[in-house]
């Protein structure tokens, strides 16, 4: 499993390639799907991190 930072970097690379417009339609579609998958993974990793942080901040509110 890639780290959040690795996924984000790969997503940035894909975005740059798509924006350059030098790809075939098939390549663009393939990269689009890969980018969507990476985006979903980043969201999942962020949600997991948030769930680890929230209990600690709520504990601090009770003190």
Foldseek 3Di string as FASTA:
>chain_A
DDDLVVLVVLLVVLVVVVVVVPDDPVVNVVSVVVNVVSVVVNVVNVVVVCVVVVVVVVVVVVD
